[in-house]
Amino acid sequence: MDEEMPFIAEVIKGGRLTIPEEIRKLMRINEGNYVLIKLKVVSRKRLGPRKSKGNGHSGAKNGST
């Protein structure tokens, strides 16, 4: 079987994602089956404040010349 059915899924705790029930039924995917996953990131969630690029520091440690 060489069918494709793209969908978007959210990655949850532990790196898991869910194949929607409708797609599992249409593709006859059952527990224990193996599936080939092609990944493309479509959105990233920010985990904290972003560091600004132009913060005025040269990267040298204090006391360095």
PDB file of N, CA and C in Angstrom:
ATOM      1  N   MET A   1       0.854  -1.182   0.000  1.00  0.00           N
ATOM      2  CA  MET A   1       0.000   0.000   0.000  1.00  0.00           C
ATOM      3  C   MET A   1       0.895   1.239   0.000  1.00  0.00           C
ATOM      4  N   ASP A   2       0.686   2.135  -0.933  1.00  0.00           N
ATOM      5  CA  ASP A   2       1.522   3.334  -1.048  1.00  0.00           C
ATOM      6  C   ASP A   2       0.657   4.585  -1.040  1.00  0.00           C
ATOM      7  N   GLU A   3      -0.308   4.648  -0.115  1.00  0.00           N
ATOM      8  CA  GLU A   3      -1.205   5.796  -0.016  1.00  0.00           C
ATOM      9  C   GLU A   3      -0.598   6.830   0.923  1.00  0.00           C
ATOM     10  N   GLU A   4      -0.902   8.099   0.664  1.00  0.00           N
ATOM     11  CA  GLU A   4      -0.479   9.176   1.553  1.00  0.00           C
ATOM     12  C   GLU A   4      -1.690   9.982   1.979  1.00  0.00           C
ATOM     13  N   MET A   5      -1.682  10.442   3.216  1.00  0.00           N
ATOM     14  CA  MET A   5      -2.759  11.272   3.728  1.00  0.00           C
ATOM     15  C   MET A   5      -2.164  12.257   4.726  1.00  0.00           C
ATOM     16  N   PRO A   6      -1.780  13.448   4.255  1.00  0.00           N
ATOM     17  CA  PRO A   6      -1.156  14.406   5.169  1.00  0.00           C
ATOM     18  C   PRO A   6      -2.138  14.943   6.213  1.00  0.00           C
ATOM     19  N   PHE A   7      -1.606  15.239   7.391  1.00  0.00           N
ATOM     20  CA  PHE A   7      -2.385  15.869   8.451  1.00  0.00           C
ATOM     21  C   PHE A   7      -1.426  16.597   9.371  1.00  0.00           C
ATOM     22  N   ILE A   8      -1.939  17.479  10.185  1.00  0.00           N
ATOM     23  CA  ILE A   8      -1.130  18.221  11.153  1.00  0.00           C
ATOM     24  C   ILE A   8      -1.432  17.674  12.538  1.00  0.00           C
ATOM     25  N   ALA A   9      -0.376  17.410  13.307  1.00  0.00           N
ATOM     26  CA  ALA A   9      -0.537  16.879  14.657  1.00  0.00           C
ATOM     27  C   ALA A   9       0.350  17.660  15.611  1.00  0.00           C
ATOM     28  N   GLU A  10      -0.110  17.849  16.829  1.00  0.00           N
ATOM     29  CA  GLU A  10       0.670  18.518  17.864  1.00  0.00           C
ATOM     30  C   GLU A  10       1.534  17.485  18.582  1.00  0.00           C
ATOM     31  N   VAL A  11       2.800  17.799  18.781  1.00  0.00           N
ATOM     32  CA  VAL A  11       3.686  16.931  19.550  1.00  0.00           C
ATOM     33  C   VAL A  11       3.400  17.192  21.021  1.00  0.00           C
ATOM     34  N   ILE A  12       3.136  16.126  21.772  1.00  0.00           N
ATOM     35  CA  ILE A  12       2.816  16.258  23.196  1.00  0.00           C
ATOM     36  C   ILE A  12       3.945  15.666  24.037  1.00  0.00           C
ATOM     37  N   LYS A  13       3.752  15.647  25.347  1.00  0.00           N
ATOM     38  CA  LYS A  13       4.753  15.171  26.298  1.00  0.00           C
ATOM     39  C   LYS A  13       5.367  13.849  25.834  1.00  0.00           C
ATOM     40  N   GLY A  14       6.656  13.765  25.941  1.00  0.00           N
ATOM     41  CA  GLY A  14       7.358  12.543  25.564  1.00  0.00           C
ATOM     42  C   GLY A  14       7.586  12.424  24.061  1.00  0.00           C
ATOM     43  N   GLY A  15       7.312  13.505  23.312  1.00  0.00           N
ATOM     44  CA  GLY A  15       7.521  13.474  21.870  1.00  0.00           C
ATOM     45  C   GLY A  15       6.446  12.711  21.110  1.00  0.00           C
ATOM     46  N   ARG A  16       5.325  12.489  21.728  1.00  0.00           N
ATOM     47  CA  ARG A  16       4.250  11.708  21.103  1.00  0.00           C
ATOM     48  C   ARG A  16       3.351  12.572  20.237  1.00  0.00           C
ATOM     49  N   LEU A  17       2.790  11.945  19.228  1.00  0.00           N
ATOM     50  CA  LEU A  17       1.750  12.597  18.439  1.00  0.00           C
ATOM     51  C   LEU A  17       0.678  11.565  18.137  1.00  0.00           C
ATOM     52  N   THR A  18      -0.510  12.031  17.820  1.00  0.00           N
ATOM     53  CA  THR A  18      -1.642  11.147  17.581  1.00  0.00           C
ATOM     54  C   THR A  18      -2.072  11.214  16.132  1.00  0.00           C
ATOM     55  N   ILE A  19      -2.260  10.043  15.529  1.00  0.00           N
ATOM     56  CA  ILE A  19      -2.861   9.971  14.202  1.00  0.00           C
ATOM     57  C   ILE A  19      -4.364  10.008  14.441  1.00  0.00           C
ATOM     58  N   PRO A  20      -5.072  10.985  13.848  1.00  0.00           N
ATOM     59  CA  PRO A  20      -6.512  11.101  14.092  1.00  0.00           C
ATOM     60  C   PRO A  20      -7.259   9.803  13.754  1.00  0.00           C
ATOM     61  N   GLU A  21      -8.302   9.519  14.538  1.00  0.00           N
ATOM     62  CA  GLU A  21      -9.074   8.279  14.383  1.00  0.00           C
ATOM     63  C   GLU A  21      -9.592   8.102  12.958  1.00  0.00           C
ATOM     64  N   GLU A  22     -10.093   9.176  12.356  1.00  0.00           N
ATOM     65  CA  GLU A  22     -10.630   9.079  10.995  1.00  0.00           C
ATOM     66  C   GLU A  22      -9.559   8.589  10.009  1.00  0.00           C
ATOM     67  N   ILE A  23      -8.357   9.100  10.157  1.00  0.00           N
ATOM     68  CA  ILE A  23      -7.259   8.687   9.269  1.00  0.00           C
ATOM     69  C   ILE A  23      -6.849   7.252   9.566  1.00  0.00           C
ATOM     70  N   ARG A  24      -6.806   6.877  10.857  1.00  0.00           N
ATOM     71  CA  ARG A  24      -6.470   5.492  11.204  1.00  0.00           C
ATOM     72  C   ARG A  24      -7.464   4.521  10.585  1.00  0.00           C
ATOM     73  N   LYS A  25      -8.744   4.878  10.596  1.00  0.00           N
ATOM     74  CA  LYS A  25      -9.769   4.006   9.992  1.00  0.00           C
ATOM     75  C   LYS A  25      -9.625   3.947   8.475  1.00  0.00           C
ATOM     76  N   LEU A  26      -9.487   5.117   7.834  1.00  0.00           N
ATOM     77  CA  LEU A  26      -9.372   5.157   6.375  1.00  0.00           C
ATOM     78  C   LEU A  26      -8.132   4.406   5.876  1.00  0.00           C
ATOM     79  N   MET A  27      -7.033   4.510   6.612  1.00  0.00           N
ATOM     80  CA  MET A  27      -5.784   3.876   6.205  1.00  0.00           C
ATOM     81  C   MET A  27      -5.619   2.470   6.793  1.00  0.00           C
ATOM     82  N   ARG A  28      -6.623   2.041   7.568  1.00  0.00           N
ATOM     83  CA  ARG A  28      -6.606   0.730   8.227  1.00  0.00           C
ATOM     84  C   ARG A  28      -5.338   0.537   9.061  1.00  0.00           C
ATOM     85  N   ILE A  29      -5.038   1.553   9.868  1.00  0.00           N
ATOM     86  CA  ILE A  29      -3.883   1.510  10.772  1.00  0.00           C
ATOM     87  C   ILE A  29      -4.363   0.980  12.117  1.00  0.00           C
ATOM     88  N   ASN A  30      -3.742  -0.093  12.577  1.00  0.00           N
ATOM     89  CA  ASN A  30      -4.114  -0.713  13.843  1.00  0.00           C
ATOM     90  C   ASN A  30      -2.917  -0.760  14.779  1.00  0.00           C
ATOM     91  N   GLU A  31      -3.190  -0.957  16.067  1.00  0.00           N
ATOM     92  CA  GLU A  31      -2.131  -1.079  17.052  1.00  0.00           C
ATOM     93  C   GLU A  31      -1.165  -2.171  16.615  1.00  0.00           C
ATOM     94  N   GLY A  32       0.120  -1.859  16.686  1.00  0.00           N
ATOM     95  CA  GLY A  32       1.152  -2.822  16.306  1.00  0.00           C
ATOM     96  C   GLY A  32       1.623  -2.658  14.869  1.00  0.00           C
ATOM     97  N   ASN A  33       0.875  -1.893  14.047  1.00  0.00           N
ATOM     98  CA  ASN A  33       1.314  -1.615  12.678  1.00  0.00           C
ATOM     99  C   ASN A  33       2.487  -0.652  12.720  1.00  0.00           C
ATOM    100  N   TYR A  34       3.309  -0.675  11.694  1.00  0.00           N
ATOM    101  CA  TYR A  34       4.392   0.284  11.519  1.00  0.00           C
ATOM    102  C   TYR A  34       3.981   1.263  10.431  1.00  0.00           C
ATOM    103  N   VAL A  35       4.318   2.539  10.616  1.00  0.00           N
ATOM    104  CA  VAL A  35       4.004   3.561   9.623  1.00  0.00           C
ATOM    105  C   VAL A  35       5.272   4.367   9.335  1.00  0.00           C
ATOM    106  N   LEU A  36       5.393   4.852   8.107  1.00  0.00           N
ATOM    107  CA  LEU A  36       6.498   5.724   7.732  1.00  0.00           C
ATOM    108  C   LEU A  36       6.041   7.152   7.962  1.00  0.00           C
ATOM    109  N   ILE A  37       6.815   7.917   8.718  1.00  0.00           N
ATOM    110  CA  ILE A  37       6.465   9.292   9.031  1.00  0.00           C
ATOM    111  C   ILE A  37       7.423  10.234   8.305  1.00  0.00           C
ATOM    112  N   LYS A  38       6.888  11.173   7.526  1.00  0.00           N
ATOM    113  CA  LYS A  38       7.677  12.248   6.926  1.00  0.00           C
ATOM    114  C   LYS A  38       7.337  13.500   7.713  1.00  0.00           C
ATOM    115  N   LEU A  39       8.346  14.161   8.260  1.00  0.00           N
ATOM    116  CA  LEU A  39       8.090  15.300   9.134  1.00  0.00           C
ATOM    117  C   LEU A  39       8.433  16.628   8.468  1.00  0.00           C
ATOM    118  N   LYS A  40       7.607  17.621   8.751  1.00  0.00           N
ATOM    119  CA  LYS A  40       7.850  18.995   8.351  1.00  0.00           C
ATOM    120  C   LYS A  40       7.286  19.874   9.459  1.00  0.00           C
ATOM    121  N   VAL A  41       8.130  20.689  10.091  1.00  0.00           N
ATOM    122  CA  VAL A  41       7.667  21.568  11.156  1.00  0.00           C
ATOM    123  C   VAL A  41       6.916  22.731  10.522  1.00  0.00           C
ATOM    124  N   VAL A  42       5.675  22.940  10.952  1.00  0.00           N
ATOM    125  CA  VAL A  42       4.863  24.037  10.411  1.00  0.00           C
ATOM    126  C   VAL A  42       4.697  25.169  11.407  1.00  0.00           C
ATOM    127  N   SER A  43       5.006  24.929  12.681  1.00  0.00           N
ATOM    128  CA  SER A  43       4.879  25.950  13.704  1.00  0.00           C
ATOM    129  C   SER A  43       5.708  25.535  14.909  1.00  0.00           C
ATOM    130  N   ARG A  44       6.336  26.494  15.554  1.00  0.00           N
ATOM    131  CA  ARG A  44       7.096  26.213  16.769  1.00  0.00           C
ATOM    132  C   ARG A  44       6.529  27.035  17.919  1.00  0.00           C
ATOM    133  N   LYS A  45       6.419  26.413  19.077  1.00  0.00           N
ATOM    134  CA  LYS A  45       5.929  27.084  20.273  1.00  0.00           C
ATOM    135  C   LYS A  45       7.114  27.675  21.009  1.00  0.00           C
ATOM    136  N   ARG A  46       7.023  28.932  21.409  1.00  0.00           N
ATOM    137  CA  ARG A  46       8.081  29.557  22.207  1.00  0.00           C
ATOM    138  C   ARG A  46       8.002  29.050  23.622  1.00  0.00           C
ATOM    139  N   LEU A  47       9.137  28.657  24.172  1.00  0.00           N
ATOM    140  CA  LEU A  47       9.173  28.121  25.530  1.00  0.00           C
ATOM    141  C   LEU A  47       9.514  29.168  26.574  1.00  0.00           C
ATOM    142  N   GLY A  48      10.059  30.310  26.164  1.00  0.00           N
ATOM    143  CA  GLY A  48      10.427  31.344  27.113  1.00  0.00           C
ATOM    144  C   GLY A  48      10.764  32.610  26.369  1.00  0.00           C
ATOM    145  N   PRO A  49      11.192  33.649  27.095  1.00  0.00           N
ATOM    146  CA  PRO A  49      11.538  34.905  26.423  1.00  0.00           C
ATOM    147  C   PRO A  49      12.729  34.713  25.487  1.00  0.00           C
ATOM    148  N   ARG A  50      12.673  35.348  24.327  1.00  0.00           N
ATOM    149  CA  ARG A  50      13.763  35.277  23.364  1.00  0.00           C
ATOM    150  C   ARG A  50      14.856  36.252  23.750  1.00  0.00           C
ATOM    151  N   LYS A  51      16.082  35.864  23.536  1.00  0.00           N
ATOM    152  CA  LYS A  51      17.212  36.761  23.766  1.00  0.00           C
ATOM    153  C   LYS A  51      17.330  37.679  22.563  1.00  0.00           C
ATOM    154  N   SER A  52      17.563  38.967  22.833  1.00  0.00           N
ATOM    155  CA  SER A  52      17.706  39.897  21.718  1.00  0.00           C
ATOM    156  C   SER A  52      19.095  39.750  21.116  1.00  0.00           C
ATOM    157  N   LYS A  53      19.179  39.914  19.801  1.00  0.00           N
ATOM    158  CA  LYS A  53      20.466  39.781  19.113  1.00  0.00           C
ATOM    159  C   LYS A  53      21.361  40.977  19.374  1.00  0.00           C
ATOM    160  N   GLY A  54      20.816  42.170  19.423  1.00  0.00           N
ATOM    161  CA  GLY A  54      21.615  43.384  19.587  1.00  0.00           C
ATOM    162  C   GLY A  54      21.640  43.854  21.017  1.00  0.00           C
ATOM    163  N   ASN A  55      22.252  43.087  21.920  1.00  0.00           N
ATOM    164  CA  ASN A  55      22.240  43.464  23.332  1.00  0.00           C
ATOM    165  C   ASN A  55      23.434  44.315  23.744  1.00  0.00           C
ATOM    166  N   GLY A  56      24.326  44.676  22.781  1.00  0.00           N
ATOM    167  CA  GLY A  56      25.440  45.559  23.089  1.00  0.00           C
ATOM    168  C   GLY A  56      26.664  44.870  23.631  1.00  0.00           C
ATOM    169  N   HIS A  57      26.609  43.555  23.838  1.00  0.00           N
ATOM    170  CA  HIS A  57      27.760  42.822  24.354  1.00  0.00           C
ATOM    171  C   HIS A  57      28.547  42.245  23.198  1.00  0.00           C
ATOM    172  N   SER A  58      29.874  42.258  23.328  1.00  0.00           N
ATOM    173  CA  SER A  58      30.731  41.750  22.262  1.00  0.00           C
ATOM    174  C   SER A  58      30.981  40.252  22.411  1.00  0.00           C
ATOM    175  N   GLY A  59      30.599  39.676  23.543  1.00  0.00           N
ATOM    176  CA  GLY A  59      30.840  38.265  23.784  1.00  0.00           C
ATOM    177  C   GLY A  59      32.090  38.025  24.615  1.00  0.00           C
ATOM    178  N   ALA A  60      32.912  39.057  24.837  1.00  0.00           N
ATOM    179  CA  ALA A  60      34.123  38.906  25.635  1.00  0.00           C
ATOM    180  C   ALA A  60      33.753  38.847  27.105  1.00  0.00           C
ATOM    181  N   LYS A  61      34.499  38.045  27.862  1.00  0.00           N
ATOM    182  CA  LYS A  61      34.241  37.925  29.299  1.00  0.00           C
ATOM    183  C   LYS A  61      34.748  39.181  30.005  1.00  0.00           C
ATOM    184  N   ASN A  62      34.210  39.440  31.189  1.00  0.00           N
ATOM    185  CA  ASN A  62      34.635  40.601  31.980  1.00  0.00           C
ATOM    186  C   ASN A  62      36.140  40.528  32.252  1.00  0.00           C
ATOM    187  N   GLY A  63      36.836  41.649  32.087  1.00  0.00           N
ATOM    188  CA  GLY A  63      38.260  41.716  32.335  1.00  0.00           C
ATOM    189  C   GLY A  63      39.093  41.359  31.113  1.00  0.00           C
ATOM    190  N   SER A  64      38.463  40.900  30.031  1.00  0.00           N
ATOM    191  CA  SER A  64      39.191  40.566  28.811  1.00  0.00           C
ATOM    192  C   SER A  64      39.386  41.813  27.982  1.00  0.00           C
ATOM    193  N   THR A  65      40.421  41.812  27.171  1.00  0.00           N
ATOM    194  CA  THR A  65      40.662  42.945  26.286  1.00  0.00           C
ATOM    195  C   THR A  65      40.460  42.547  24.847  1.00  0.00           C
TER     196      THR A  65
END
